[in-house]
Amino acid sequence: MPHKDLADPVDAESSATIRARVETARTIQRKRLAPYGLHANAAMAARHIRKFCPVDEQGHKLLEMVTDKLGLSARSYSRILKVARTIADLAGEENIRQPHLAEAIQYRGLDRRPQ
């Protein structure tokens, strides 16, 4: 994060609010995945990703651009979709939208930076 974002005294969500959102997202995931013996989006296999991570046209365009530019592996592509599914769950949204994908892609970029 840029220093100005860390130092900015803007009111942030309280820990209690964040915890409630996370618990709600976990409940959504458990309900969605329980019939498959799974408990979290991270555990989804390719068949679950196809079923539970549909992407709209804007999302497809973004993924295509990123895949072509970064040369994503199938594993990286799947991980982005799983993270985007979780971001959508945290936002209380049923469908993955382009902003969820963009955020997931951004997190992947942070993972790859040299230490």
N, C-alpha and C. Protein backbone atom coordinates (compact mmCIF):
# COMPACT_ATOMS: atom_id res chain seq x y z
N MET A 1 0.84 -1.18 0.00
CA MET A 1 0.00 0.00 0.00
C MET A 1 0.88 1.24 0.00
N PRO A 2 0.43 2.26 -0.68
CA PRO A 2 1.17 3.53 -0.61
C PRO A 2 1.12 4.11 0.79
N HIS A 3 2.17 4.81 1.17
CA HIS A 3 2.26 5.38 2.51
C HIS A 3 1.07 6.26 2.83
N LYS A 4 0.62 7.08 1.85
CA LYS A 4 -0.50 8.00 2.12
C LYS A 4 -1.75 7.25 2.52
N ASP A 5 -1.95 6.03 1.97
CA ASP A 5 -3.13 5.23 2.34
C ASP A 5 -2.99 4.70 3.76
N LEU A 6 -1.79 4.34 4.14
CA LEU A 6 -1.58 3.84 5.50
C LEU A 6 -1.67 4.95 6.54
N ALA A 7 -1.19 6.14 6.18
CA ALA A 7 -1.14 7.25 7.12
C ALA A 7 -2.43 8.07 7.16
N ASP A 8 -3.31 7.89 6.18
CA ASP A 8 -4.55 8.66 6.10
C ASP A 8 -5.46 8.30 7.27
N PRO A 9 -5.91 9.29 8.03
CA PRO A 9 -6.73 9.01 9.21
C PRO A 9 -8.22 8.74 8.90
N VAL A 10 -8.51 8.21 7.72
CA VAL A 10 -9.89 7.92 7.35
C VAL A 10 -10.43 6.79 8.24
N ASP A 11 -11.68 6.93 8.65
CA ASP A 11 -12.30 5.89 9.45
C ASP A 11 -12.38 4.59 8.67
N ALA A 12 -11.90 3.53 9.26
CA ALA A 12 -11.94 2.22 8.63
C ALA A 12 -13.03 1.39 9.30
N GLU A 13 -13.34 0.26 8.67
CA GLU A 13 -14.31 -0.65 9.28
C GLU A 13 -13.77 -1.15 10.61
N SER A 14 -14.66 -1.36 11.55
CA SER A 14 -14.23 -1.91 12.83
C SER A 14 -13.93 -3.40 12.66
N SER A 15 -13.15 -3.92 13.57
CA SER A 15 -12.84 -5.36 13.55
C SER A 15 -14.10 -6.19 13.66
N ALA A 16 -15.05 -5.72 14.45
CA ALA A 16 -16.31 -6.46 14.63
C ALA A 16 -17.09 -6.52 13.32
N THR A 17 -17.09 -5.43 12.57
CA THR A 17 -17.79 -5.40 11.28
C THR A 17 -17.12 -6.34 10.29
N ILE A 18 -15.81 -6.30 10.26
CA ILE A 18 -15.07 -7.19 9.35
C ILE A 18 -15.30 -8.64 9.74
N ARG A 19 -15.24 -8.94 11.02
CA ARG A 19 -15.46 -10.31 11.49
C ARG A 19 -16.84 -10.81 11.08
N ALA A 20 -17.85 -9.99 11.21
CA ALA A 20 -19.22 -10.38 10.83
C ALA A 20 -19.29 -10.67 9.33
N ARG A 21 -18.62 -9.85 8.53
CA ARG A 21 -18.62 -10.06 7.09
C ARG A 21 -17.91 -11.37 6.72
N VAL A 22 -16.80 -11.64 7.39
CA VAL A 22 -16.06 -12.88 7.14
C VAL A 22 -16.90 -14.08 7.55
N GLU A 23 -17.53 -14.02 8.70
CA GLU A 23 -18.37 -15.13 9.15
C GLU A 23 -19.53 -15.38 8.19
N THR A 24 -20.12 -14.32 7.69
CA THR A 24 -21.21 -14.47 6.71
C THR A 24 -20.69 -15.13 5.44
N ALA A 25 -19.54 -14.69 4.96
CA ALA A 25 -18.95 -15.28 3.75
C ALA A 25 -18.63 -16.76 3.96
N ARG A 26 -18.11 -17.10 5.13
CA ARG A 26 -17.81 -18.52 5.43
C ARG A 26 -19.08 -19.36 5.46
N THR A 27 -20.15 -18.80 6.00
CA THR A 27 -21.42 -19.51 6.02
C THR A 27 -21.93 -19.75 4.60
N ILE A 28 -21.83 -18.73 3.76
CA ILE A 28 -22.23 -18.85 2.35
C ILE A 28 -21.44 -19.97 1.68
N GLN A 29 -20.13 -19.97 1.89
CA GLN A 29 -19.28 -20.98 1.28
C GLN A 29 -19.63 -22.38 1.77
N ARG A 30 -19.80 -22.53 3.07
CA ARG A 30 -20.14 -23.86 3.61
C ARG A 30 -21.45 -24.38 3.04
N LYS A 31 -22.47 -23.52 2.97
CA LYS A 31 -23.76 -23.93 2.42
C LYS A 31 -23.64 -24.32 0.94
N ARG A 32 -22.89 -23.54 0.19
CA ARG A 32 -22.72 -23.79 -1.24
C ARG A 32 -21.96 -25.10 -1.49
N LEU A 33 -20.95 -25.35 -0.68
CA LEU A 33 -20.03 -26.44 -0.96
C LEU A 33 -20.26 -27.71 -0.16
N ALA A 34 -21.09 -27.66 0.87
CA ALA A 34 -21.33 -28.83 1.72
C ALA A 34 -21.77 -30.07 0.94
N PRO A 35 -22.65 -29.93 -0.06
CA PRO A 35 -23.06 -31.13 -0.80
C PRO A 35 -21.90 -31.83 -1.52
N TYR A 36 -20.78 -31.15 -1.65
CA TYR A 36 -19.62 -31.71 -2.35
C TYR A 36 -18.51 -32.11 -1.37
N GLY A 37 -18.82 -32.04 -0.08
CA GLY A 37 -17.85 -32.41 0.94
C GLY A 37 -16.74 -31.37 1.13
N LEU A 38 -17.00 -30.14 0.70
CA LEU A 38 -16.02 -29.07 0.82
C LEU A 38 -16.52 -28.03 1.82
N HIS A 39 -15.62 -27.23 2.33
CA HIS A 39 -16.03 -26.21 3.30
C HIS A 39 -15.62 -24.79 2.92
N ALA A 40 -14.71 -24.64 1.94
CA ALA A 40 -14.24 -23.31 1.57
C ALA A 40 -13.93 -23.24 0.08
N ASN A 41 -13.99 -22.04 -0.47
CA ASN A 41 -13.70 -21.85 -1.89
C ASN A 41 -12.31 -22.35 -2.27
N ALA A 42 -11.36 -22.24 -1.36
CA ALA A 42 -9.99 -22.67 -1.64
C ALA A 42 -9.92 -24.16 -1.97
N ALA A 43 -10.86 -24.94 -1.50
CA ALA A 43 -10.85 -26.38 -1.72
C ALA A 43 -11.50 -26.81 -3.03
N MET A 44 -12.06 -25.86 -3.78
CA MET A 44 -12.76 -26.22 -5.01
C MET A 44 -11.82 -26.80 -6.06
N ALA A 45 -12.31 -27.83 -6.74
CA ALA A 45 -11.61 -28.41 -7.88
C ALA A 45 -12.16 -27.75 -9.15
N ALA A 46 -11.59 -28.11 -10.29
CA ALA A 46 -11.98 -27.49 -11.56
C ALA A 46 -13.48 -27.59 -11.81
N ARG A 47 -14.07 -28.73 -11.51
CA ARG A 47 -15.52 -28.87 -11.77
C ARG A 47 -16.35 -27.94 -10.89
N HIS A 48 -15.89 -27.70 -9.67
CA HIS A 48 -16.60 -26.77 -8.78
C HIS A 48 -16.42 -25.33 -9.25
N ILE A 49 -15.22 -25.03 -9.72
CA ILE A 49 -14.94 -23.68 -10.22
C ILE A 49 -15.85 -23.37 -11.41
N ARG A 50 -15.98 -24.33 -12.32
CA ARG A 50 -16.86 -24.12 -13.48
C ARG A 50 -18.31 -23.87 -13.03
N LYS A 51 -18.72 -24.55 -11.99
CA LYS A 51 -20.11 -24.42 -11.53
C LYS A 51 -20.35 -23.14 -10.72
N PHE A 52 -19.41 -22.80 -9.85
CA PHE A 52 -19.64 -21.73 -8.88
C PHE A 52 -18.92 -20.42 -9.18
N CYS A 53 -18.13 -20.39 -10.25
CA CYS A 53 -17.38 -19.18 -10.57
C CYS A 53 -17.65 -18.70 -12.00
N PRO A 54 -18.92 -18.59 -12.39
CA PRO A 54 -19.18 -18.07 -13.73
C PRO A 54 -18.74 -16.61 -13.80
N VAL A 55 -18.24 -16.23 -14.97
CA VAL A 55 -17.72 -14.88 -15.16
C VAL A 55 -18.49 -14.22 -16.29
N ASP A 56 -18.85 -12.95 -16.10
CA ASP A 56 -19.57 -12.22 -17.14
C ASP A 56 -18.62 -11.82 -18.27
N GLU A 57 -19.17 -11.18 -19.29
CA GLU A 57 -18.38 -10.81 -20.47
C GLU A 57 -17.20 -9.91 -20.12
N GLN A 58 -17.43 -8.91 -19.28
CA GLN A 58 -16.33 -8.02 -18.87
C GLN A 58 -15.25 -8.80 -18.14
N GLY A 59 -15.68 -9.73 -17.30
CA GLY A 59 -14.72 -10.56 -16.58
C GLY A 59 -13.91 -11.43 -17.51
N HIS A 60 -14.57 -12.01 -18.51
CA HIS A 60 -13.86 -12.83 -19.50
C HIS A 60 -12.81 -12.00 -20.23
N LYS A 61 -13.16 -10.78 -20.60
CA LYS A 61 -12.22 -9.92 -21.32
C LYS A 61 -11.01 -9.61 -20.44
N LEU A 62 -11.25 -9.31 -19.17
CA LEU A 62 -10.16 -9.03 -18.25
C LEU A 62 -9.26 -10.25 -18.08
N LEU A 63 -9.86 -11.40 -17.86
CA LEU A 63 -9.08 -12.63 -17.69
C LEU A 63 -8.28 -12.97 -18.94
N GLU A 64 -8.88 -12.75 -20.10
CA GLU A 64 -8.18 -13.02 -21.36
C GLU A 64 -6.97 -12.09 -21.49
N MET A 65 -7.16 -10.82 -21.18
CA MET A 65 -6.07 -9.86 -21.28
C MET A 65 -4.93 -10.22 -20.32
N VAL A 66 -5.29 -10.54 -19.09
CA VAL A 66 -4.29 -10.86 -18.08
C VAL A 66 -3.58 -12.17 -18.42
N THR A 67 -4.33 -13.15 -18.90
CA THR A 67 -3.74 -14.43 -19.27
C THR A 67 -2.74 -14.24 -20.40
N ASP A 68 -3.11 -13.47 -21.40
CA ASP A 68 -2.22 -13.21 -22.53
C ASP A 68 -0.99 -12.41 -22.10
N LYS A 69 -1.20 -11.42 -21.25
CA LYS A 69 -0.10 -10.54 -20.84
C LYS A 69 0.86 -11.23 -19.88
N LEU A 70 0.31 -11.97 -18.91
CA LEU A 70 1.15 -12.57 -17.88
C LEU A 70 1.45 -14.05 -18.13
N GLY A 71 0.78 -14.64 -19.11
CA GLY A 71 1.00 -16.05 -19.38
C GLY A 71 0.61 -16.92 -18.20
N LEU A 72 -0.58 -16.72 -17.67
CA LEU A 72 -1.03 -17.47 -16.50
C LEU A 72 -1.09 -18.96 -16.78
N SER A 73 -0.72 -19.72 -15.79
CA SER A 73 -0.89 -21.17 -15.86
C SER A 73 -2.35 -21.48 -15.51
N ALA A 74 -2.75 -22.71 -15.77
CA ALA A 74 -4.11 -23.13 -15.41
C ALA A 74 -4.31 -23.02 -13.90
N ARG A 75 -3.28 -23.33 -13.15
CA ARG A 75 -3.36 -23.25 -11.69
C ARG A 75 -3.56 -21.80 -11.24
N SER A 76 -2.81 -20.88 -11.81
CA SER A 76 -2.95 -19.46 -11.46
C SER A 76 -4.33 -18.94 -11.83
N TYR A 77 -4.81 -19.33 -12.99
CA TYR A 77 -6.14 -18.94 -13.46
C TYR A 77 -7.20 -19.41 -12.46
N SER A 78 -7.09 -20.67 -12.04
CA SER A 78 -8.05 -21.23 -11.08
C SER A 78 -7.97 -20.51 -9.74
N ARG A 79 -6.77 -20.21 -9.29
CA ARG A 79 -6.62 -19.52 -8.02
C ARG A 79 -7.24 -18.13 -8.06
N ILE A 80 -7.09 -17.44 -9.17
CA ILE A 80 -7.71 -16.12 -9.32
C ILE A 80 -9.22 -16.24 -9.22
N LEU A 81 -9.79 -17.25 -9.88
CA LEU A 81 -11.25 -17.42 -9.82
C LEU A 81 -11.71 -17.76 -8.40
N LYS A 82 -10.97 -18.58 -7.68
CA LYS A 82 -11.34 -18.92 -6.30
C LYS A 82 -11.30 -17.68 -5.40
N VAL A 83 -10.25 -16.88 -5.55
CA VAL A 83 -10.13 -15.66 -4.74
C VAL A 83 -11.24 -14.68 -5.11
N ALA A 84 -11.52 -14.55 -6.40
CA ALA A 84 -12.61 -13.65 -6.84
C ALA A 84 -13.95 -14.12 -6.27
N ARG A 85 -14.17 -15.43 -6.21
CA ARG A 85 -15.40 -15.98 -5.63
C ARG A 85 -15.49 -15.57 -4.16
N THR A 86 -14.38 -15.64 -3.45
CA THR A 86 -14.35 -15.26 -2.04
C THR A 86 -14.60 -13.76 -1.87
N ILE A 87 -14.00 -12.95 -2.73
CA ILE A 87 -14.21 -11.50 -2.68
C ILE A 87 -15.69 -11.18 -2.91
N ALA A 88 -16.30 -11.85 -3.87
CA ALA A 88 -17.74 -11.65 -4.12
C ALA A 88 -18.56 -12.07 -2.91
N ASP A 89 -18.18 -13.19 -2.29
CA ASP A 89 -18.88 -13.64 -1.08
C ASP A 89 -18.76 -12.60 0.04
N LEU A 90 -17.57 -12.05 0.21
CA LEU A 90 -17.37 -11.02 1.24
C LEU A 90 -18.20 -9.78 0.96
N ALA A 91 -18.41 -9.50 -0.32
CA ALA A 91 -19.22 -8.34 -0.71
C ALA A 91 -20.71 -8.65 -0.66
N GLY A 92 -21.06 -9.91 -0.38
CA GLY A 92 -22.46 -10.30 -0.33
C GLY A 92 -23.09 -10.41 -1.70
N GLU A 93 -22.27 -10.65 -2.72
CA GLU A 93 -22.77 -10.72 -4.09
C GLU A 93 -22.80 -12.16 -4.57
N GLU A 94 -23.87 -12.51 -5.24
CA GLU A 94 -24.04 -13.87 -5.74
C GLU A 94 -23.11 -14.15 -6.92
N ASN A 95 -22.91 -13.15 -7.77
CA ASN A 95 -22.12 -13.33 -8.98
C ASN A 95 -20.76 -12.65 -8.87
N ILE A 96 -19.77 -13.27 -9.51
CA ILE A 96 -18.45 -12.66 -9.60
C ILE A 96 -18.53 -11.60 -10.69
N ARG A 97 -18.09 -10.40 -10.34
CA ARG A 97 -18.08 -9.30 -11.32
C ARG A 97 -16.64 -8.88 -11.59
N GLN A 98 -16.47 -8.06 -12.58
CA GLN A 98 -15.15 -7.62 -13.01
C GLN A 98 -14.33 -7.01 -11.86
N PRO A 99 -14.91 -6.17 -10.99
CA PRO A 99 -14.11 -5.63 -9.89
C PRO A 99 -13.58 -6.71 -8.94
N HIS A 100 -14.34 -7.79 -8.75
CA HIS A 100 -13.87 -8.89 -7.90
C HIS A 100 -12.66 -9.56 -8.54
N LEU A 101 -12.74 -9.77 -9.85
CA LEU A 101 -11.62 -10.37 -10.58
C LEU A 101 -10.40 -9.45 -10.55
N ALA A 102 -10.62 -8.17 -10.76
CA ALA A 102 -9.50 -7.22 -10.75
C ALA A 102 -8.79 -7.23 -9.39
N GLU A 103 -9.56 -7.29 -8.32
CA GLU A 103 -8.96 -7.34 -6.99
C GLU A 103 -8.18 -8.63 -6.80
N ALA A 104 -8.74 -9.75 -7.23
CA ALA A 104 -8.05 -11.04 -7.11
C ALA A 104 -6.75 -11.05 -7.91
N ILE A 105 -6.78 -10.47 -9.10
CA ILE A 105 -5.58 -10.38 -9.94
C ILE A 105 -4.52 -9.51 -9.26
N GLN A 106 -4.98 -8.44 -8.66
CA GLN A 106 -4.06 -7.54 -7.97
C GLN A 106 -3.37 -8.26 -6.81
N TYR A 107 -4.11 -9.07 -6.06
CA TYR A 107 -3.52 -9.83 -4.96
C TYR A 107 -2.47 -10.81 -5.49
N ARG A 108 -2.75 -11.41 -6.62
CA ARG A 108 -1.79 -12.33 -7.22
C ARG A 108 -0.50 -11.60 -7.56
N GLY A 109 -0.63 -10.39 -8.07
CA GLY A 109 0.55 -9.58 -8.37
C GLY A 109 1.36 -9.27 -7.14
N LEU A 110 0.69 -9.02 -6.02
CA LEU A 110 1.40 -8.75 -4.77
C LEU A 110 2.15 -9.99 -4.29
N ASP A 111 1.58 -11.16 -4.52
CA ASP A 111 2.23 -12.42 -4.13
C ASP A 111 3.52 -12.65 -4.88
N ARG A 112 3.59 -12.17 -6.10
CA ARG A 112 4.72 -12.46 -6.97
C ARG A 112 5.87 -11.48 -6.85
N ARG A 113 5.69 -10.39 -6.12
CA ARG A 113 6.75 -9.39 -6.00
C ARG A 113 7.93 -9.97 -5.23
N PRO A 114 9.15 -9.65 -5.66
CA PRO A 114 10.33 -10.14 -4.93
C PRO A 114 10.37 -9.57 -3.51
N GLN A 115 10.87 -10.36 -2.62
CA GLN A 115 10.93 -9.96 -1.21
C GLN A 115 12.20 -9.22 -0.90
